Amino acid sequence: MNLYVLDAIIWIIGIRGHIPQNGNFGAGSEKSSLTGNASRLMRVLAAFIVAVLSLSLVLWAAVWLAIKLL
């Protein structure tokens, strides 16, 4: 399950197509349906959401652990 989540995050951020596999260095990547600033904005927004969710999960776990230890 963790690999699927990591794969989804990498796909949303947009760095999945930039990693060459099996020595296949092509001339360039294909264009997505979203181009220009909208695509960049969506990637930044997705990265921000993932960061906020992960930080809130870590904070929740720390508070839960502190309550359990008291």
PDB file of N, CA and C in Angstrom:
ATOM      1  N   MET A   1       0.817  -1.190   0.000  1.00  0.00           N
ATOM      2  CA  MET A   1       0.000   0.000   0.000  1.00  0.00           C
ATOM      3  C   MET A   1       0.861   1.255   0.000  1.00  0.00           C
ATOM      4  N   ASN A   2       1.976   1.247   0.713  1.00  0.00           N
ATOM      5  CA  ASN A   2       2.834   2.425   0.786  1.00  0.00           C
ATOM      6  C   ASN A   2       3.428   2.781  -0.568  1.00  0.00           C
ATOM      7  N   LEU A   3       3.758   1.777  -1.375  1.00  0.00           N
ATOM      8  CA  LEU A   3       4.319   2.071  -2.688  1.00  0.00           C
ATOM      9  C   LEU A   3       3.298   2.753  -3.592  1.00  0.00           C
ATOM     10  N   TYR A   4       2.037   2.383  -3.462  1.00  0.00           N
ATOM     11  CA  TYR A   4       1.005   3.026  -4.273  1.00  0.00           C
ATOM     12  C   TYR A   4       0.823   4.489  -3.874  1.00  0.00           C
ATOM     13  N   VAL A   5       0.894   4.765  -2.593  1.00  0.00           N
ATOM     14  CA  VAL A   5       0.770   6.148  -2.126  1.00  0.00           C
ATOM     15  C   VAL A   5       1.959   6.967  -2.606  1.00  0.00           C
ATOM     16  N   LEU A   6       3.168   6.415  -2.478  1.00  0.00           N
ATOM     17  CA  LEU A   6       4.359   7.119  -2.941  1.00  0.00           C
ATOM     18  C   LEU A   6       4.310   7.345  -4.454  1.00  0.00           C
ATOM     19  N   ASP A   7       3.853   6.360  -5.202  1.00  0.00           N
ATOM     20  CA  ASP A   7       3.734   6.492  -6.643  1.00  0.00           C
ATOM     21  C   ASP A   7       2.718   7.575  -7.008  1.00  0.00           C
ATOM     22  N   ALA A   8       1.616   7.638  -6.274  1.00  0.00           N
ATOM     23  CA  ALA A   8       0.610   8.671  -6.534  1.00  0.00           C
ATOM     24  C   ALA A   8       1.156  10.067  -6.238  1.00  0.00           C
ATOM     25  N   ILE A   9       1.910  10.200  -5.151  1.00  0.00           N
ATOM     26  CA  ILE A   9       2.481  11.508  -4.811  1.00  0.00           C
ATOM     27  C   ILE A   9       3.482  11.941  -5.872  1.00  0.00           C
ATOM     28  N   ILE A  10       4.329  11.020  -6.300  1.00  0.00           N
ATOM     29  CA  ILE A  10       5.310  11.346  -7.342  1.00  0.00           C
ATOM     30  C   ILE A  10       4.598  11.711  -8.646  1.00  0.00           C
ATOM     31  N   TRP A  11       3.512  11.006  -8.962  1.00  0.00           N
ATOM     32  CA  TRP A  11       2.771  11.297 -10.194  1.00  0.00           C
ATOM     33  C   TRP A  11       2.102  12.662 -10.107  1.00  0.00           C
ATOM     34  N   ILE A  12       1.526  13.013  -8.935  1.00  0.00           N
ATOM     35  CA  ILE A  12       0.849  14.298  -8.775  1.00  0.00           C
ATOM     36  C   ILE A  12       1.849  15.446  -8.884  1.00  0.00           C
ATOM     37  N   ILE A  13       2.995  15.316  -8.242  1.00  0.00           N
ATOM     38  CA  ILE A  13       3.992  16.381  -8.287  1.00  0.00           C
ATOM     39  C   ILE A  13       4.535  16.549  -9.701  1.00  0.00           C
ATOM     40  N   GLY A  14       4.589  15.468 -10.449  1.00  0.00           N
ATOM     41  CA  GLY A  14       4.974  15.566 -11.847  1.00  0.00           C
ATOM     42  C   GLY A  14       6.408  15.205 -12.138  1.00  0.00           C
ATOM     43  N   ILE A  15       7.087  14.530 -11.233  1.00  0.00           N
ATOM     44  CA  ILE A  15       8.477  14.177 -11.498  1.00  0.00           C
ATOM     45  C   ILE A  15       8.625  12.750 -12.001  1.00  0.00           C
ATOM     46  N   ARG A  16       7.520  12.030 -12.129  1.00  0.00           N
ATOM     47  CA  ARG A  16       7.600  10.632 -12.540  1.00  0.00           C
ATOM     48  C   ARG A  16       8.099  10.491 -13.973  1.00  0.00           C
ATOM     49  N   GLY A  17       7.669  11.340 -14.864  1.00  0.00           N
ATOM     50  CA  GLY A  17       8.060  11.224 -16.258  1.00  0.00           C
ATOM     51  C   GLY A  17       9.480  11.679 -16.544  1.00  0.00           C
ATOM     52  N   HIS A  18      10.132  12.311 -15.594  1.00  0.00           N
ATOM     53  CA  HIS A  18      11.476  12.831 -15.805  1.00  0.00           C
ATOM     54  C   HIS A  18      12.568  11.849 -15.425  1.00  0.00           C
ATOM     55  N   ILE A  19      12.197  10.712 -14.849  1.00  0.00           N
ATOM     56  CA  ILE A  19      13.188   9.732 -14.422  1.00  0.00           C
ATOM     57  C   ILE A  19      13.365   8.712 -15.544  1.00  0.00           C
ATOM     58  N   PRO A  20      14.531   8.694 -16.207  1.00  0.00           N
ATOM     59  CA  PRO A  20      14.736   7.731 -17.288  1.00  0.00           C
ATOM     60  C   PRO A  20      14.905   6.318 -16.736  1.00  0.00           C
ATOM     61  N   GLN A  21      14.368   5.347 -17.454  1.00  0.00           N
ATOM     62  CA  GLN A  21      14.474   3.959 -17.026  1.00  0.00           C
ATOM     63  C   GLN A  21      15.191   3.164 -18.103  1.00  0.00           C
ATOM     64  N   ASN A  22      16.022   2.225 -17.671  1.00  0.00           N
ATOM     65  CA  ASN A  22      16.760   1.330 -18.565  1.00  0.00           C
ATOM     66  C   ASN A  22      17.644   2.101 -19.550  1.00  0.00           C
ATOM     67  N   GLY A  23      18.208   3.215 -19.127  1.00  0.00           N
ATOM     68  CA  GLY A  23      19.098   3.983 -19.983  1.00  0.00           C
ATOM     69  C   GLY A  23      18.394   4.684 -21.132  1.00  0.00           C
ATOM     70  N   ASN A  24      17.096   4.865 -21.038  1.00  0.00           N
ATOM     71  CA  ASN A  24      16.323   5.484 -22.107  1.00  0.00           C
ATOM     72  C   ASN A  24      16.253   6.988 -21.877  1.00  0.00           C
ATOM     73  N   PHE A  25      17.205   7.712 -22.432  1.00  0.00           N
ATOM     74  CA  PHE A  25      17.214   9.159 -22.326  1.00  0.00           C
ATOM     75  C   PHE A  25      16.620   9.724 -23.610  1.00  0.00           C
ATOM     76  N   GLY A  26      15.352  10.075 -23.554  1.00  0.00           N
ATOM     77  CA  GLY A  26      14.668  10.595 -24.726  1.00  0.00           C
ATOM     78  C   GLY A  26      14.948  12.067 -24.947  1.00  0.00           C
ATOM     79  N   ALA A  27      14.407  12.592 -26.041  1.00  0.00           N
ATOM     80  CA  ALA A  27      14.613  13.994 -26.370  1.00  0.00           C
ATOM     81  C   ALA A  27      13.824  14.907 -25.445  1.00  0.00           C
ATOM     82  N   GLY A  28      12.715  14.424 -24.907  1.00  0.00           N
ATOM     83  CA  GLY A  28      11.896  15.238 -24.016  1.00  0.00           C
ATOM     84  C   GLY A  28      10.685  14.463 -23.573  1.00  0.00           C
ATOM     85  N   SER A  29       9.974  15.017 -22.610  1.00  0.00           N
ATOM     86  CA  SER A  29       8.779  14.340 -22.125  1.00  0.00           C
ATOM     87  C   SER A  29       7.555  14.839 -22.886  1.00  0.00           C
ATOM     88  N   GLU A  30       6.509  14.054 -22.806  1.00  0.00           N
ATOM     89  CA  GLU A  30       5.271  14.428 -23.479  1.00  0.00           C
ATOM     90  C   GLU A  30       4.587  15.545 -22.718  1.00  0.00           C
ATOM     91  N   LYS A  31       3.836  16.343 -23.432  1.00  0.00           N
ATOM     92  CA  LYS A  31       3.093  17.425 -22.810  1.00  0.00           C
ATOM     93  C   LYS A  31       1.832  16.860 -22.180  1.00  0.00           C
ATOM     94  N   SER A  32       1.488  17.361 -20.994  1.00  0.00           N
ATOM     95  CA  SER A  32       0.255  16.934 -20.354  1.00  0.00           C
ATOM     96  C   SER A  32      -0.898  17.777 -20.891  1.00  0.00           C
ATOM     97  N   SER A  33      -2.102  17.417 -20.482  1.00  0.00           N
ATOM     98  CA  SER A  33      -3.260  18.163 -20.942  1.00  0.00           C
ATOM     99  C   SER A  33      -3.279  19.576 -20.369  1.00  0.00           C
ATOM    100  N   LEU A  34      -2.697  19.736 -19.188  1.00  0.00           N
ATOM    101  CA  LEU A  34      -2.574  21.065 -18.599  1.00  0.00           C
ATOM    102  C   LEU A  34      -1.191  21.611 -18.919  1.00  0.00           C
ATOM    103  N   THR A  35      -1.134  22.822 -19.406  1.00  0.00           N
ATOM    104  CA  THR A  35       0.161  23.385 -19.781  1.00  0.00           C
ATOM    105  C   THR A  35       0.379  24.702 -19.054  1.00  0.00           C
ATOM    106  N   GLY A  36       1.618  25.082 -18.995  1.00  0.00           N
ATOM    107  CA  GLY A  36       1.974  26.402 -18.487  1.00  0.00           C
ATOM    108  C   GLY A  36       1.814  26.542 -16.995  1.00  0.00           C
ATOM    109  N   ASN A  37       1.301  27.701 -16.598  1.00  0.00           N
ATOM    110  CA  ASN A  37       1.220  28.051 -15.186  1.00  0.00           C
ATOM    111  C   ASN A  37       0.183  27.249 -14.433  1.00  0.00           C
ATOM    112  N   ALA A  38      -0.876  26.809 -15.106  1.00  0.00           N
ATOM    113  CA  ALA A  38      -1.915  26.037 -14.422  1.00  0.00           C
ATOM    114  C   ALA A  38      -1.358  24.708 -13.941  1.00  0.00           C
ATOM    115  N   SER A  39      -0.555  24.073 -14.753  1.00  0.00           N
ATOM    116  CA  SER A  39       0.042  22.807 -14.370  1.00  0.00           C
ATOM    117  C   SER A  39       1.017  22.996 -13.211  1.00  0.00           C
ATOM    118  N   ARG A  40       1.812  24.013 -13.283  1.00  0.00           N
ATOM    119  CA  ARG A  40       2.776  24.295 -12.216  1.00  0.00           C
ATOM    120  C   ARG A  40       2.044  24.634 -10.919  1.00  0.00           C
ATOM    121  N   LEU A  41       0.967  25.401 -11.011  1.00  0.00           N
ATOM    122  CA  LEU A  41       0.196  25.760  -9.834  1.00  0.00           C
ATOM    123  C   LEU A  41      -0.442  24.529  -9.198  1.00  0.00           C
ATOM    124  N   MET A  42      -0.952  23.626 -10.020  1.00  0.00           N
ATOM    125  CA  MET A  42      -1.548  22.406  -9.485  1.00  0.00           C
ATOM    126  C   MET A  42      -0.510  21.531  -8.791  1.00  0.00           C
ATOM    127  N   ARG A  43       0.692  21.458  -9.343  1.00  0.00           N
ATOM    128  CA  ARG A  43       1.755  20.675  -8.710  1.00  0.00           C
ATOM    129  C   ARG A  43       2.179  21.276  -7.380  1.00  0.00           C
ATOM    130  N   VAL A  44       2.298  22.588  -7.329  1.00  0.00           N
ATOM    131  CA  VAL A  44       2.667  23.258  -6.085  1.00  0.00           C
ATOM    132  C   VAL A  44       1.564  23.078  -5.048  1.00  0.00           C
ATOM    133  N   LEU A  45       0.314  23.199  -5.471  1.00  0.00           N
ATOM    134  CA  LEU A  45      -0.808  23.015  -4.560  1.00  0.00           C
ATOM    135  C   LEU A  45      -0.855  21.581  -4.033  1.00  0.00           C
ATOM    136  N   ALA A  46      -0.632  20.615  -4.895  1.00  0.00           N
ATOM    137  CA  ALA A  46      -0.632  19.209  -4.471  1.00  0.00           C
ATOM    138  C   ALA A  46       0.507  18.936  -3.498  1.00  0.00           C
ATOM    139  N   ALA A  47       1.686  19.475  -3.765  1.00  0.00           N
ATOM    140  CA  ALA A  47       2.814  19.289  -2.855  1.00  0.00           C
ATOM    141  C   ALA A  47       2.537  19.950  -1.509  1.00  0.00           C
ATOM    142  N   PHE A  48       1.901  21.114  -1.523  1.00  0.00           N
ATOM    143  CA  PHE A  48       1.558  21.808  -0.290  1.00  0.00           C
ATOM    144  C   PHE A  48       0.554  21.006   0.529  1.00  0.00           C
ATOM    145  N   ILE A  49      -0.452  20.455  -0.142  1.00  0.00           N
ATOM    146  CA  ILE A  49      -1.470  19.659   0.549  1.00  0.00           C
ATOM    147  C   ILE A  49      -0.855  18.416   1.163  1.00  0.00           C
ATOM    148  N   VAL A  50       0.024  17.748   0.431  1.00  0.00           N
ATOM    149  CA  VAL A  50       0.689  16.552   0.960  1.00  0.00           C
ATOM    150  C   VAL A  50       1.550  16.918   2.169  1.00  0.00           C
ATOM    151  N   ALA A  51       2.246  18.028   2.099  1.00  0.00           N
ATOM    152  CA  ALA A  51       3.093  18.449   3.218  1.00  0.00           C
ATOM    153  C   ALA A  51       2.255  18.792   4.448  1.00  0.00           C
ATOM    154  N   VAL A  52       1.160  19.502   4.265  1.00  0.00           N
ATOM    155  CA  VAL A  52       0.302  19.873   5.393  1.00  0.00           C
ATOM    156  C   VAL A  52      -0.334  18.630   6.005  1.00  0.00           C
ATOM    157  N   LEU A  53      -0.786  17.705   5.172  1.00  0.00           N
ATOM    158  CA  LEU A  53      -1.392  16.480   5.701  1.00  0.00           C
ATOM    159  C   LEU A  53      -0.376  15.634   6.472  1.00  0.00           C
ATOM    160  N   SER A  54       0.817  15.529   5.945  1.00  0.00           N
ATOM    161  CA  SER A  54       1.819  14.729   6.652  1.00  0.00           C
ATOM    162  C   SER A  54       2.236  15.392   7.961  1.00  0.00           C
ATOM    163  N   LEU A  55       2.388  16.709   7.971  1.00  0.00           N
ATOM    164  CA  LEU A  55       2.741  17.398   9.216  1.00  0.00           C
ATOM    165  C   LEU A  55       1.627  17.307  10.251  1.00  0.00           C
ATOM    166  N   SER A  56       0.376  17.387   9.805  1.00  0.00           N
ATOM    167  CA  SER A  56      -0.723  17.262  10.756  1.00  0.00           C
ATOM    168  C   SER A  56      -0.814  15.846  11.303  1.00  0.00           C
ATOM    169  N   LEU A  57      -0.509  14.853  10.487  1.00  0.00           N
ATOM    170  CA  LEU A  57      -0.500  13.470  10.962  1.00  0.00           C
ATOM    171  C   LEU A  57       0.614  13.255  11.990  1.00  0.00           C
ATOM    172  N   VAL A  58       1.777  13.818  11.751  1.00  0.00           N
ATOM    173  CA  VAL A  58       2.877  13.708  12.710  1.00  0.00           C
ATOM    174  C   VAL A  58       2.526  14.415  14.015  1.00  0.00           C
ATOM    175  N   LEU A  59       1.907  15.580  13.927  1.00  0.00           N
ATOM    176  CA  LEU A  59       1.505  16.302  15.128  1.00  0.00           C
ATOM    177  C   LEU A  59       0.458  15.515  15.905  1.00  0.00           C
ATOM    178  N   TRP A  60      -0.506  14.943  15.205  1.00  0.00           N
ATOM    179  CA  TRP A  60      -1.528  14.128  15.859  1.00  0.00           C
ATOM    180  C   TRP A  60      -0.891  12.931  16.571  1.00  0.00           C
ATOM    181  N   ALA A  61       0.050  12.271  15.913  1.00  0.00           N
ATOM    182  CA  ALA A  61       0.714  11.114  16.513  1.00  0.00           C
ATOM    183  C   ALA A  61       1.518  11.528  17.745  1.00  0.00           C
ATOM    184  N   ALA A  62       2.163  12.668  17.713  1.00  0.00           N
ATOM    185  CA  ALA A  62       2.941  13.136  18.857  1.00  0.00           C
ATOM    186  C   ALA A  62       2.026  13.450  20.045  1.00  0.00           C
ATOM    187  N   VAL A  63       0.904  14.094  19.796  1.00  0.00           N
ATOM    188  CA  VAL A  63      -0.036  14.403  20.872  1.00  0.00           C
ATOM    189  C   VAL A  63      -0.636  13.118  21.425  1.00  0.00           C
ATOM    190  N   TRP A  64      -0.996  12.190  20.559  1.00  0.00           N
ATOM    191  CA  TRP A  64      -1.563  10.916  20.995  1.00  0.00           C
ATOM    192  C   TRP A  64      -0.569  10.145  21.864  1.00  0.00           C
ATOM    193  N   LEU A  65       0.677  10.135  21.444  1.00  0.00           N
ATOM    194  CA  LEU A  65       1.720   9.451  22.212  1.00  0.00           C
ATOM    195  C   LEU A  65       1.952  10.140  23.552  1.00  0.00           C
ATOM    196  N   ALA A  66       1.926  11.463  23.581  1.00  0.00           N
ATOM    197  CA  ALA A  66       2.114  12.183  24.833  1.00  0.00           C
ATOM    198  C   ALA A  66       0.961  11.909  25.803  1.00  0.00           C
ATOM    199  N   ILE A  67      -0.240  11.810  25.285  1.00  0.00           N
ATOM    200  CA  ILE A  67      -1.405  11.509  26.141  1.00  0.00           C
ATOM    201  C   ILE A  67      -1.284  10.084  26.684  1.00  0.00           C
ATOM    202  N   LYS A  68      -0.847   9.164  25.853  1.00  0.00           N
ATOM    203  CA  LYS A  68      -0.719   7.770  26.292  1.00  0.00           C
ATOM    204  C   LYS A  68       0.375   7.614  27.353  1.00  0.00           C
ATOM    205  N   LEU A  69       1.433   8.410  27.258  1.00  0.00           N
ATOM    206  CA  LEU A  69       2.535   8.287  28.206  1.00  0.00           C
ATOM    207  C   LEU A  69       2.230   8.957  29.543  1.00  0.00           C
ATOM    208  N   LEU A  70       1.246   9.851  29.584  1.00  0.00           N
ATOM    209  CA  LEU A  70       0.900  10.525  30.848  1.00  0.00           C
ATOM    210  C   LEU A  70       0.092   9.659  31.703  1.00  0.00           C
TER     211      LEU A  70
END
